[in-house]
Amino acid sequence: LSESPLAQLVVTAAGRDDLRSALIGLPVAGVTGSLDDRFLDAESGLGAGLVRAKTGTLDTASALVGYTPTADGGMAVFALVGNGVGAEVRPYLDQLAASLSGCACAQ
């Protein structure tokens, strides 16, 4: 897989003291901000309280970019973007991000 520039932005911010606070301020799935009413169903609920991400939606695109701790103590950074779709793709983006929080995928 090639690394997304959006995901690389999250990795870069995590490694810099002057940018790390921006990550801490990201909305928390099922709890705060633009994610307060998401990650509340059976398919994505595993990510509630764990996934932190920035949302983005246009008429024909929807995105979720952020990070989540994984089940094995690692950290997963993600950039999920659906082009040619609208807000109806949000539940699927949430499910993908939530699956990363349940992943035992630390390297």
PDB file of N, CA and C in Angstrom:
ATOM      1  N   LEU A   1       0.832  -1.191   0.000  1.00  0.00           N
ATOM      2  CA  LEU A   1       0.000   0.000   0.000  1.00  0.00           C
ATOM      3  C   LEU A   1       0.872   1.248   0.000  1.00  0.00           C
ATOM      4  N   SER A   2       0.471   2.223  -0.762  1.00  0.00           N
ATOM      5  CA  SER A   2       1.178   3.492  -0.716  1.00  0.00           C
ATOM      6  C   SER A   2       0.617   4.312   0.431  1.00  0.00           C
ATOM      7  N   GLU A   3       1.455   5.113   1.016  1.00  0.00           N
ATOM      8  CA  GLU A   3       1.022   5.908   2.156  1.00  0.00           C
ATOM      9  C   GLU A   3       0.334   7.186   1.688  1.00  0.00           C
ATOM     10  N   SER A   4      -0.808   7.449   2.241  1.00  0.00           N
ATOM     11  CA  SER A   4      -1.578   8.633   1.909  1.00  0.00           C
ATOM     12  C   SER A   4      -0.926   9.879   2.497  1.00  0.00           C
ATOM     13  N   PRO A   5      -0.909  10.981   1.744  1.00  0.00           N
ATOM     14  CA  PRO A   5      -0.411  12.234   2.322  1.00  0.00           C
ATOM     15  C   PRO A   5      -1.210  12.657   3.551  1.00  0.00           C
ATOM     16  N   LEU A   6      -2.501  12.354   3.572  1.00  0.00           N
ATOM     17  CA  LEU A   6      -3.314  12.696   4.744  1.00  0.00           C
ATOM     18  C   LEU A   6      -2.881  11.884   5.961  1.00  0.00           C
ATOM     19  N   ALA A   7      -2.637  10.590   5.771  1.00  0.00           N
ATOM     20  CA  ALA A   7      -2.168   9.754   6.874  1.00  0.00           C
ATOM     21  C   ALA A   7      -0.773  10.201   7.305  1.00  0.00           C
ATOM     22  N   GLN A   8       0.066  10.562   6.352  1.00  0.00           N
ATOM     23  CA  GLN A   8       1.419  11.020   6.689  1.00  0.00           C
ATOM     24  C   GLN A   8       1.368  12.298   7.526  1.00  0.00           C
ATOM     25  N   LEU A   9       0.396  13.136   7.279  1.00  0.00           N
ATOM     26  CA  LEU A   9       0.219  14.354   8.081  1.00  0.00           C
ATOM     27  C   LEU A   9      -0.031  14.000   9.548  1.00  0.00           C
ATOM     28  N   VAL A  10      -0.855  12.983   9.793  1.00  0.00           N
ATOM     29  CA  VAL A  10      -1.136  12.540  11.163  1.00  0.00           C
ATOM     30  C   VAL A  10       0.141  11.986  11.799  1.00  0.00           C
ATOM     31  N   VAL A  11       0.894  11.181  11.065  1.00  0.00           N
ATOM     32  CA  VAL A  11       2.152  10.610  11.580  1.00  0.00           C
ATOM     33  C   VAL A  11       3.142  11.729  11.909  1.00  0.00           C
ATOM     34  N   THR A  12       3.246  12.703  11.028  1.00  0.00           N
ATOM     35  CA  THR A  12       4.159  13.828  11.256  1.00  0.00           C
ATOM     36  C   THR A  12       3.759  14.607  12.500  1.00  0.00           C
ATOM     37  N   ALA A  13       2.473  14.894  12.638  1.00  0.00           N
ATOM     38  CA  ALA A  13       1.997  15.637  13.815  1.00  0.00           C
ATOM     39  C   ALA A  13       2.271  14.870  15.097  1.00  0.00           C
ATOM     40  N   ALA A  14       2.127  13.552  15.055  1.00  0.00           N
ATOM     41  CA  ALA A  14       2.378  12.738  16.257  1.00  0.00           C
ATOM     42  C   ALA A  14       3.840  12.806  16.694  1.00  0.00           C
ATOM     43  N   GLY A  15       4.716  13.031  15.749  1.00  0.00           N
ATOM     44  CA  GLY A  15       6.137  13.067  16.060  1.00  0.00           C
ATOM     45  C   GLY A  15       6.699  14.440  16.386  1.00  0.00           C
ATOM     46  N   ARG A  16       5.854  15.455  16.414  1.00  0.00           N
ATOM     47  CA  ARG A  16       6.329  16.814  16.685  1.00  0.00           C
ATOM     48  C   ARG A  16       5.610  17.401  17.891  1.00  0.00           C
ATOM     49  N   ASP A  17       6.371  17.844  18.851  1.00  0.00           N
ATOM     50  CA  ASP A  17       5.800  18.431  20.063  1.00  0.00           C
ATOM     51  C   ASP A  17       4.894  19.618  19.757  1.00  0.00           C
ATOM     52  N   ASP A  18       5.249  20.415  18.756  1.00  0.00           N
ATOM     53  CA  ASP A  18       4.470  21.614  18.454  1.00  0.00           C
ATOM     54  C   ASP A  18       3.175  21.316  17.687  1.00  0.00           C
ATOM     55  N   LEU A  19       2.978  20.085  17.222  1.00  0.00           N
ATOM     56  CA  LEU A  19       1.775  19.730  16.479  1.00  0.00           C
ATOM     57  C   LEU A  19       0.923  18.660  17.163  1.00  0.00           C
ATOM     58  N   ARG A  20       1.497  17.973  18.119  1.00  0.00           N
ATOM     59  CA  ARG A  20       0.806  16.847  18.761  1.00  0.00           C
ATOM     60  C   ARG A  20      -0.534  17.247  19.371  1.00  0.00           C
ATOM     61  N   SER A  21      -0.627  18.443  19.892  1.00  0.00           N
ATOM     62  CA  SER A  21      -1.889  18.867  20.525  1.00  0.00           C
ATOM     63  C   SER A  21      -3.036  18.917  19.522  1.00  0.00           C
ATOM     64  N   ALA A  22      -2.729  19.105  18.243  1.00  0.00           N
ATOM     65  CA  ALA A  22      -3.782  19.095  17.218  1.00  0.00           C
ATOM     66  C   ALA A  22      -4.435  17.720  17.144  1.00  0.00           C
ATOM     67  N   LEU A  23      -3.676  16.671  17.351  1.00  0.00           N
ATOM     68  CA  LEU A  23      -4.226  15.313  17.311  1.00  0.00           C
ATOM     69  C   LEU A  23      -5.095  15.034  18.529  1.00  0.00           C
ATOM     70  N   ILE A  24      -4.668  15.521  19.675  1.00  0.00           N
ATOM     71  CA  ILE A  24      -5.425  15.316  20.913  1.00  0.00           C
ATOM     72  C   ILE A  24      -6.778  16.009  20.823  1.00  0.00           C
ATOM     73  N   GLY A  25      -6.840  17.087  20.056  1.00  0.00           N
ATOM     74  CA  GLY A  25      -8.081  17.836  19.902  1.00  0.00           C
ATOM     75  C   GLY A  25      -9.042  17.280  18.873  1.00  0.00           C
ATOM     76  N   LEU A  26      -8.665  16.210  18.160  1.00  0.00           N
ATOM     77  CA  LEU A  26      -9.575  15.630  17.174  1.00  0.00           C
ATOM     78  C   LEU A  26     -10.811  15.049  17.860  1.00  0.00           C
ATOM     79  N   PRO A  27     -11.951  15.084  17.195  1.00  0.00           N
ATOM     80  CA  PRO A  27     -13.163  14.493  17.766  1.00  0.00           C
ATOM     81  C   PRO A  27     -12.976  13.014  18.101  1.00  0.00           C
ATOM     82  N   VAL A  28     -13.640  12.581  19.173  1.00  0.00           N
ATOM     83  CA  VAL A  28     -13.589  11.189  19.620  1.00  0.00           C
ATOM     84  C   VAL A  28     -14.873  10.493  19.173  1.00  0.00           C
ATOM     85  N   ALA A  29     -14.720   9.322  18.574  1.00  0.00           N
ATOM     86  CA  ALA A  29     -15.849   8.567  18.040  1.00  0.00           C
ATOM     87  C   ALA A  29     -16.915   8.309  19.106  1.00  0.00           C
ATOM     88  N   GLY A  30     -18.144   8.687  18.789  1.00  0.00           N
ATOM     89  CA  GLY A  30     -19.269   8.458  19.679  1.00  0.00           C
ATOM     90  C   GLY A  30     -19.310   9.356  20.893  1.00  0.00           C
ATOM     91  N   VAL A  31     -18.404  10.348  20.966  1.00  0.00           N
ATOM     92  CA  VAL A  31     -18.306  11.169  22.176  1.00  0.00           C
ATOM     93  C   VAL A  31     -18.333  12.667  21.889  1.00  0.00           C
ATOM     94  N   THR A  32     -17.478  13.155  20.994  1.00  0.00           N
ATOM     95  CA  THR A  32     -17.339  14.601  20.833  1.00  0.00           C
ATOM     96  C   THR A  32     -17.393  15.042  19.373  1.00  0.00           C
ATOM     97  N   GLY A  33     -17.665  16.327  19.204  1.00  0.00           N
ATOM     98  CA  GLY A  33     -17.572  16.981  17.902  1.00  0.00           C
ATOM     99  C   GLY A  33     -18.354  16.307  16.796  1.00  0.00           C
ATOM    100  N   SER A  34     -17.763  16.290  15.618  1.00  0.00           N
ATOM    101  CA  SER A  34     -18.441  15.749  14.440  1.00  0.00           C
ATOM    102  C   SER A  34     -18.601  14.232  14.486  1.00  0.00           C
ATOM    103  N   LEU A  35     -18.031  13.588  15.493  1.00  0.00           N
ATOM    104  CA  LEU A  35     -18.179  12.134  15.654  1.00  0.00           C
ATOM    105  C   LEU A  35     -19.096  11.765  16.816  1.00  0.00           C
ATOM    106  N   ASP A  36     -19.721  12.747  17.456  1.00  0.00           N
ATOM    107  CA  ASP A  36     -20.537  12.444  18.639  1.00  0.00           C
ATOM    108  C   ASP A  36     -21.740  11.559  18.350  1.00  0.00           C
ATOM    109  N   ASP A  37     -22.240  11.594  17.117  1.00  0.00           N
ATOM    110  CA  ASP A  37     -23.399  10.765  16.777  1.00  0.00           C
ATOM    111  C   ASP A  37     -23.035   9.624  15.822  1.00  0.00           C
ATOM    112  N   ARG A  38     -21.762   9.304  15.761  1.00  0.00           N
ATOM    113  CA  ARG A  38     -21.280   8.215  14.902  1.00  0.00           C
ATOM    114  C   ARG A  38     -20.622   7.138  15.770  1.00  0.00           C
ATOM    115  N   PHE A  39     -20.385   5.976  15.219  1.00  0.00           N
ATOM    116  CA  PHE A  39     -19.784   4.841  15.918  1.00  0.00           C
ATOM    117  C   PHE A  39     -20.690   4.350  17.052  1.00  0.00           C
ATOM    118  N   LEU A  40     -21.986   4.431  16.847  1.00  0.00           N
ATOM    119  CA  LEU A  40     -22.935   4.039  17.879  1.00  0.00           C
ATOM    120  C   LEU A  40     -23.705   2.766  17.536  1.00  0.00           C
ATOM    121  N   ASP A  41     -23.443   2.181  16.374  1.00  0.00           N
ATOM    122  CA  ASP A  41     -24.161   0.964  15.989  1.00  0.00           C
ATOM    123  C   ASP A  41     -23.275  -0.270  16.178  1.00  0.00           C
ATOM    124  N   ALA A  42     -23.870  -1.433  15.994  1.00  0.00           N
ATOM    125  CA  ALA A  42     -23.151  -2.692  16.223  1.00  0.00           C
ATOM    126  C   ALA A  42     -21.936  -2.847  15.318  1.00  0.00           C
ATOM    127  N   GLU A  43     -22.023  -2.339  14.095  1.00  0.00           N
ATOM    128  CA  GLU A  43     -20.937  -2.518  13.137  1.00  0.00           C
ATOM    129  C   GLU A  43     -19.723  -1.645  13.423  1.00  0.00           C
ATOM    130  N   SER A  44     -19.912  -0.490  14.014  1.00  0.00           N
ATOM    131  CA  SER A  44     -18.791   0.424  14.258  1.00  0.00           C
ATOM    132  C   SER A  44     -18.568   0.742  15.727  1.00  0.00           C
ATOM    133  N   GLY A  45     -19.408   0.205  16.611  1.00  0.00           N
ATOM    134  CA  GLY A  45     -19.334   0.531  18.038  1.00  0.00           C
ATOM    135  C   GLY A  45     -18.019   0.200  18.705  1.00  0.00           C
ATOM    136  N   LEU A  46     -17.265  -0.756  18.156  1.00  0.00           N
ATOM    137  CA  LEU A  46     -15.960  -1.102  18.722  1.00  0.00           C
ATOM    138  C   LEU A  46     -15.022   0.104  18.750  1.00  0.00           C
ATOM    139  N   GLY A  47     -15.224   1.040  17.824  1.00  0.00           N
ATOM    140  CA  GLY A  47     -14.365   2.221  17.753  1.00  0.00           C
ATOM    141  C   GLY A  47     -14.789   3.362  18.654  1.00  0.00           C
ATOM    142  N   ALA A  48     -15.967   3.275  19.265  1.00  0.00           N
ATOM    143  CA  ALA A  48     -16.457   4.359  20.121  1.00  0.00           C
ATOM    144  C   ALA A  48     -15.507   4.588  21.287  1.00  0.00           C
ATOM    145  N   GLY A  49     -15.158   5.838  21.494  1.00  0.00           N
ATOM    146  CA  GLY A  49     -14.254   6.204  22.575  1.00  0.00           C
ATOM    147  C   GLY A  49     -12.786   5.979  22.249  1.00  0.00           C
ATOM    148  N   LEU A  50     -12.497   5.356  21.117  1.00  0.00           N
ATOM    149  CA  LEU A  50     -11.113   5.051  20.744  1.00  0.00           C
ATOM    150  C   LEU A  50     -10.641   5.823  19.520  1.00  0.00           C
ATOM    151  N   VAL A  51     -11.446   5.795  18.476  1.00  0.00           N
ATOM    152  CA  VAL A  51     -11.072   6.447  17.226  1.00  0.00           C
ATOM    153  C   VAL A  51     -11.121   7.960  17.413  1.00  0.00           C
ATOM    154  N   ARG A  52     -10.072   8.643  16.953  1.00  0.00           N
ATOM    155  CA  ARG A  52     -10.044  10.107  16.904  1.00  0.00           C
ATOM    156  C   ARG A  52      -9.827  10.467  15.448  1.00  0.00           C
ATOM    157  N   ALA A  53     -10.685  11.330  14.913  1.00  0.00           N
ATOM    158  CA  ALA A  53     -10.587  11.604  13.484  1.00  0.00           C
ATOM    159  C   ALA A  53     -11.222  12.930  13.094  1.00  0.00           C
ATOM    160  N   LYS A  54     -10.800  13.394  11.937  1.00  0.00           N
ATOM    161  CA  LYS A  54     -11.381  14.566  11.294  1.00  0.00           C
ATOM    162  C   LYS A  54     -12.250  14.075  10.163  1.00  0.00           C
ATOM    163  N   THR A  55     -13.440  14.616  10.078  1.00  0.00           N
ATOM    164  CA  THR A  55     -14.359  14.248   9.006  1.00  0.00           C
ATOM    165  C   THR A  55     -14.287  15.279   7.888  1.00  0.00           C
ATOM    166  N   GLY A  56     -14.757  14.880   6.743  1.00  0.00           N
ATOM    167  CA  GLY A  56     -14.870  15.801   5.617  1.00  0.00           C
ATOM    168  C   GLY A  56     -15.910  15.271   4.659  1.00  0.00           C
ATOM    169  N   THR A  57     -16.853  16.111   4.279  1.00  0.00           N
ATOM    170  CA  THR A  57     -17.899  15.673   3.368  1.00  0.00           C
ATOM    171  C   THR A  57     -18.211  16.778   2.368  1.00  0.00           C
ATOM    172  N   LEU A  58     -18.259  16.391   1.098  1.00  0.00           N
ATOM    173  CA  LEU A  58     -18.719  17.246   0.015  1.00  0.00           C
ATOM    174  C   LEU A  58     -19.882  16.525  -0.645  1.00  0.00           C
ATOM    175  N   ASP A  59     -20.458  17.113  -1.675  1.00  0.00           N
ATOM    176  CA  ASP A  59     -21.575  16.456  -2.354  1.00  0.00           C
ATOM    177  C   ASP A  59     -21.185  15.081  -2.885  1.00  0.00           C
ATOM    178  N   THR A  60     -19.958  14.944  -3.362  1.00  0.00           N
ATOM    179  CA  THR A  60     -19.555  13.679  -3.988  1.00  0.00           C
ATOM    180  C   THR A  60     -18.296  13.076  -3.373  1.00  0.00           C
ATOM    181  N   ALA A  61     -18.020  13.386  -2.131  1.00  0.00           N
ATOM    182  CA  ALA A  61     -16.853  12.802  -1.457  1.00  0.00           C
ATOM    183  C   ALA A  61     -17.071  12.834   0.051  1.00  0.00           C
ATOM    184  N   SER A  62     -16.519  11.830   0.719  1.00  0.00           N
ATOM    185  CA  SER A  62     -16.595  11.770   2.176  1.00  0.00           C
ATOM    186  C   SER A  62     -15.294  11.175   2.686  1.00  0.00           C
ATOM    187  N   ALA A  63     -14.778  11.722   3.787  1.00  0.00           N
ATOM    188  CA  ALA A  63     -13.486  11.267   4.299  1.00  0.00           C
ATOM    189  C   ALA A  63     -13.487  11.180   5.821  1.00  0.00           C
ATOM    190  N   LEU A  64     -12.598  10.334   6.315  1.00  0.00           N
ATOM    191  CA  LEU A  64     -12.354  10.188   7.740  1.00  0.00           C
ATOM    192  C   LEU A  64     -10.855   9.955   7.881  1.00  0.00           C
ATOM    193  N   VAL A  65     -10.159  10.868   8.555  1.00  0.00           N
ATOM    194  CA  VAL A  65      -8.705  10.801   8.691  1.00  0.00           C
ATOM    195  C   VAL A  65      -8.354  10.926  10.160  1.00  0.00           C
ATOM    196  N   GLY A  66      -7.578   9.968  10.671  1.00  0.00           N
ATOM    197  CA  GLY A  66      -7.207  10.035  12.073  1.00  0.00           C
ATOM    198  C   GLY A  66      -6.383   8.861  12.536  1.00  0.00           C
ATOM    199  N   TYR A  67      -6.620   8.469  13.790  1.00  0.00           N
ATOM    200  CA  TYR A  67      -5.840   7.389  14.387  1.00  0.00           C
ATOM    201  C   TYR A  67      -6.660   6.685  15.458  1.00  0.00           C
ATOM    202  N   THR A  68      -6.211   5.493  15.826  1.00  0.00           N
ATOM    203  CA  THR A  68      -6.863   4.738  16.889  1.00  0.00           C
ATOM    204  C   THR A  68      -5.861   3.784  17.518  1.00  0.00           C
ATOM    205  N   PRO A  69      -5.951   3.577  18.828  1.00  0.00           N
ATOM    206  CA  PRO A  69      -5.139   2.507  19.421  1.00  0.00           C
ATOM    207  C   PRO A  69      -5.678   1.170  18.919  1.00  0.00           C
ATOM    208  N   THR A  70      -4.796   0.198  18.798  1.00  0.00           N
ATOM    209  CA  THR A  70      -5.207  -1.130  18.338  1.00  0.00           C
ATOM    210  C   THR A  70      -5.305  -2.086  19.528  1.00  0.00           C
ATOM    211  N   ALA A  71      -5.915  -3.229  19.295  1.00  0.00           N
ATOM    212  CA  ALA A  71      -6.151  -4.203  20.361  1.00  0.00           C
ATOM    213  C   ALA A  71      -4.862  -4.736  20.982  1.00  0.00           C
ATOM    214  N   ASP A  72      -3.762  -4.690  20.240  1.00  0.00           N
ATOM    215  CA  ASP A  72      -2.500  -5.217  20.754  1.00  0.00           C
ATOM    216  C   ASP A  72      -1.571  -4.123  21.285  1.00  0.00           C
ATOM    217  N   GLY A  73      -2.116  -2.926  21.501  1.00  0.00           N
ATOM    218  CA  GLY A  73      -1.329  -1.844  22.087  1.00  0.00           C
ATOM    219  C   GLY A  73      -0.611  -0.970  21.086  1.00  0.00           C
ATOM    220  N   GLY A  74      -0.804  -1.223  19.803  1.00  0.00           N
ATOM    221  CA  GLY A  74      -0.195  -0.383  18.777  1.00  0.00           C
ATOM    222  C   GLY A  74      -1.061   0.837  18.489  1.00  0.00           C
ATOM    223  N   MET A  75      -0.722   1.513  17.434  1.00  0.00           N
ATOM    224  CA  MET A  75      -1.480   2.678  17.001  1.00  0.00           C
ATOM    225  C   MET A  75      -1.647   2.576  15.490  1.00  0.00           C
ATOM    226  N   ALA A  76      -2.858   2.740  15.001  1.00  0.00           N
ATOM    227  CA  ALA A  76      -3.133   2.721  13.571  1.00  0.00           C
ATOM    228  C   ALA A  76      -3.526   4.111  13.109  1.00  0.00           C
ATOM    229  N   VAL A  77      -2.895   4.566  12.053  1.00  0.00           N
ATOM    230  CA  VAL A  77      -3.218   5.840  11.422  1.00  0.00           C
ATOM    231  C   VAL A  77      -3.944   5.511  10.119  1.00  0.00           C
ATOM    232  N   PHE A  78      -4.989   6.260   9.807  1.00  0.00           N
ATOM    233  CA  PHE A  78      -5.758   5.954   8.611  1.00  0.00           C
ATOM    234  C   PHE A  78      -6.219   7.216   7.895  1.00  0.00           C
ATOM    235  N   ALA A  79      -6.423   7.075   6.610  1.00  0.00           N
ATOM    236  CA  ALA A  79      -7.034   8.100   5.773  1.00  0.00           C
ATOM    237  C   ALA A  79      -7.994   7.369   4.849  1.00  0.00           C
ATOM    238  N   LEU A  80      -9.272   7.478   5.142  1.00  0.00           N
ATOM    239  CA  LEU A  80     -10.308   6.783   4.382  1.00  0.00           C
ATOM    240  C   LEU A  80     -11.089   7.826   3.589  1.00  0.00           C
ATOM    241  N   VAL A  81     -11.076   7.695   2.276  1.00  0.00           N
ATOM    242  CA  VAL A  81     -11.721   8.679   1.412  1.00  0.00           C
ATOM    243  C   VAL A  81     -12.570   7.948   0.382  1.00  0.00           C
ATOM    244  N   GLY A  82     -13.819   8.336   0.294  1.00  0.00           N
ATOM    245  CA  GLY A  82     -14.716   7.822  -0.736  1.00  0.00           C
ATOM    246  C   GLY A  82     -14.995   8.917  -1.737  1.00  0.00           C
ATOM    247  N   ASN A  83     -14.635   8.700  -2.992  1.00  0.00           N
ATOM    248  CA  ASN A  83     -14.900   9.665  -4.056  1.00  0.00           C
ATOM    249  C   ASN A  83     -16.060   9.174  -4.905  1.00  0.00           C
ATOM    250  N   GLY A  84     -16.846  10.085  -5.405  1.00  0.00           N
ATOM    251  CA  GLY A  84     -17.992   9.732  -6.214  1.00  0.00           C
ATOM    252  C   GLY A  84     -19.152   9.227  -5.374  1.00  0.00           C
ATOM    253  N   VAL A  85     -19.102   9.524  -4.089  1.00  0.00           N
ATOM    254  CA  VAL A  85     -20.154   9.124  -3.154  1.00  0.00           C
ATOM    255  C   VAL A  85     -20.466  10.308  -2.248  1.00  0.00           C
ATOM    256  N   GLY A  86     -21.558  10.232  -1.556  1.00  0.00           N
ATOM    257  CA  GLY A  86     -21.921  11.287  -0.619  1.00  0.00           C
ATOM    258  C   GLY A  86     -21.864  10.776   0.804  1.00  0.00           C
ATOM    259  N   ALA A  87     -22.651  11.384   1.648  1.00  0.00           N
ATOM    260  CA  ALA A  87     -22.666  11.053   3.072  1.00  0.00           C
ATOM    261  C   ALA A  87     -23.107   9.627   3.350  1.00  0.00           C
ATOM    262  N   GLU A  88     -23.740   8.960   2.379  1.00  0.00           N
ATOM    263  CA  GLU A  88     -24.196   7.581   2.609  1.00  0.00           C
ATOM    264  C   GLU A  88     -23.050   6.613   2.850  1.00  0.00           C
ATOM    265  N   VAL A  89     -21.828   7.010   2.543  1.00  0.00           N
ATOM    266  CA  VAL A  89     -20.681   6.131   2.754  1.00  0.00           C
ATOM    267  C   VAL A  89     -20.148   6.217   4.192  1.00  0.00           C
ATOM    268  N   ARG A  90     -20.598   7.181   4.965  1.00  0.00           N
ATOM    269  CA  ARG A  90     -20.097   7.376   6.333  1.00  0.00           C
ATOM    270  C   ARG A  90     -20.114   6.111   7.192  1.00  0.00           C
ATOM    271  N   PRO A  91     -21.199   5.351   7.227  1.00  0.00           N
ATOM    272  CA  PRO A  91     -21.188   4.144   8.068  1.00  0.00           C
ATOM    273  C   PRO A  91     -20.078   3.162   7.690  1.00  0.00           C
ATOM    274  N   TYR A  92     -19.746   3.103   6.423  1.00  0.00           N
ATOM    275  CA  TYR A  92     -18.701   2.186   5.975  1.00  0.00           C
ATOM    276  C   TYR A  92     -17.313   2.689   6.369  1.00  0.00           C
ATOM    277  N   LEU A  93     -17.118   3.995   6.300  1.00  0.00           N
ATOM    278  CA  LEU A  93     -15.862   4.571   6.766  1.00  0.00           C
ATOM    279  C   LEU A  93     -15.705   4.315   8.266  1.00  0.00           C
ATOM    280  N   ASP A  94     -16.795   4.489   9.009  1.00  0.00           N
ATOM    281  CA  ASP A  94     -16.771   4.242  10.450  1.00  0.00           C
ATOM    282  C   ASP A  94     -16.438   2.789  10.757  1.00  0.00           C
ATOM    283  N   GLN A  95     -17.035   1.867  10.011  1.00  0.00           N
ATOM    284  CA  GLN A  95     -16.767   0.444  10.221  1.00  0.00           C
ATOM    285  C   GLN A  95     -15.308   0.114   9.956  1.00  0.00           C
ATOM    286  N   LEU A  96     -14.742   0.684   8.908  1.00  0.00           N
ATOM    287  CA  LEU A  96     -13.329   0.439   8.602  1.00  0.00           C
ATOM    288  C   LEU A  96     -12.421   0.964   9.712  1.00  0.00           C
ATOM    289  N   ALA A  97     -12.682   2.185  10.171  1.00  0.00           N
ATOM    290  CA  ALA A  97     -11.873   2.756  11.254  1.00  0.00           C
ATOM    291  C   ALA A  97     -12.030   1.939  12.535  1.00  0.00           C
ATOM    292  N   ALA A  98     -13.255   1.520  12.845  1.00  0.00           N
ATOM    293  CA  ALA A  98     -13.497   0.717  14.045  1.00  0.00           C
ATOM    294  C   ALA A  98     -12.775  -0.624  13.953  1.00  0.00           C
ATOM    295  N   SER A  99     -12.724  -1.208  12.766  1.00  0.00           N
ATOM    296  CA  SER A  99     -12.038  -2.505  12.631  1.00  0.00           C
ATOM    297  C   SER A  99     -10.553  -2.364  12.943  1.00  0.00           C
ATOM    298  N   LEU A 100      -9.981  -1.208  12.687  1.00  0.00           N
ATOM    299  CA  LEU A 100      -8.570  -0.981  13.022  1.00  0.00           C
ATOM    300  C   LEU A 100      -8.367  -0.958  14.535  1.00  0.00           C
ATOM    301  N   SER A 101      -9.339  -0.443  15.281  1.00  0.00           N
ATOM    302  CA  SER A 101      -9.195  -0.423  16.735  1.00  0.00           C
ATOM    303  C   SER A 101      -9.237  -1.829  17.331  1.00  0.00           C
ATOM    304  N   GLY A 102      -9.860  -2.762  16.630  1.00  0.00           N
ATOM    305  CA  GLY A 102      -9.908  -4.145  17.082  1.00  0.00           C
ATOM    306  C   GLY A 102      -8.800  -4.998  16.517  1.00  0.00           C
ATOM    307  N   CYS A 103      -7.921  -4.407  15.740  1.00  0.00           N
ATOM    308  CA  CYS A 103      -6.864  -5.130  15.043  1.00  0.00           C
ATOM    309  C   CYS A 103      -5.699  -5.478  15.974  1.00  0.00           C
ATOM    310  N   ALA A 104      -5.166  -6.654  15.800  1.00  0.00           N
ATOM    311  CA  ALA A 104      -3.906  -7.036  16.459  1.00  0.00           C
ATOM    312  C   ALA A 104      -2.836  -6.958  15.373  1.00  0.00           C
ATOM    313  N   CYS A 105      -2.505  -5.733  14.997  1.00  0.00           N
ATOM    314  CA  CYS A 105      -1.682  -5.537  13.801  1.00  0.00           C
ATOM    315  C   CYS A 105      -0.415  -4.712  14.041  1.00  0.00           C
ATOM    316  N   ALA A 106       0.047  -4.597  15.273  1.00  0.00           N
ATOM    317  CA  ALA A 106       1.277  -3.848  15.538  1.00  0.00           C
ATOM    318  C   ALA A 106       2.454  -4.534  14.844  1.00  0.00           C
ATOM    319  N   GLN A 107       3.354  -3.732  14.342  1.00  0.00           N
ATOM    320  CA  GLN A 107       4.518  -4.291  13.651  1.00  0.00           C
ATOM    321  C   GLN A 107       5.739  -4.228  14.527  1.00  0.00           C
TER     322      GLN A 107
END
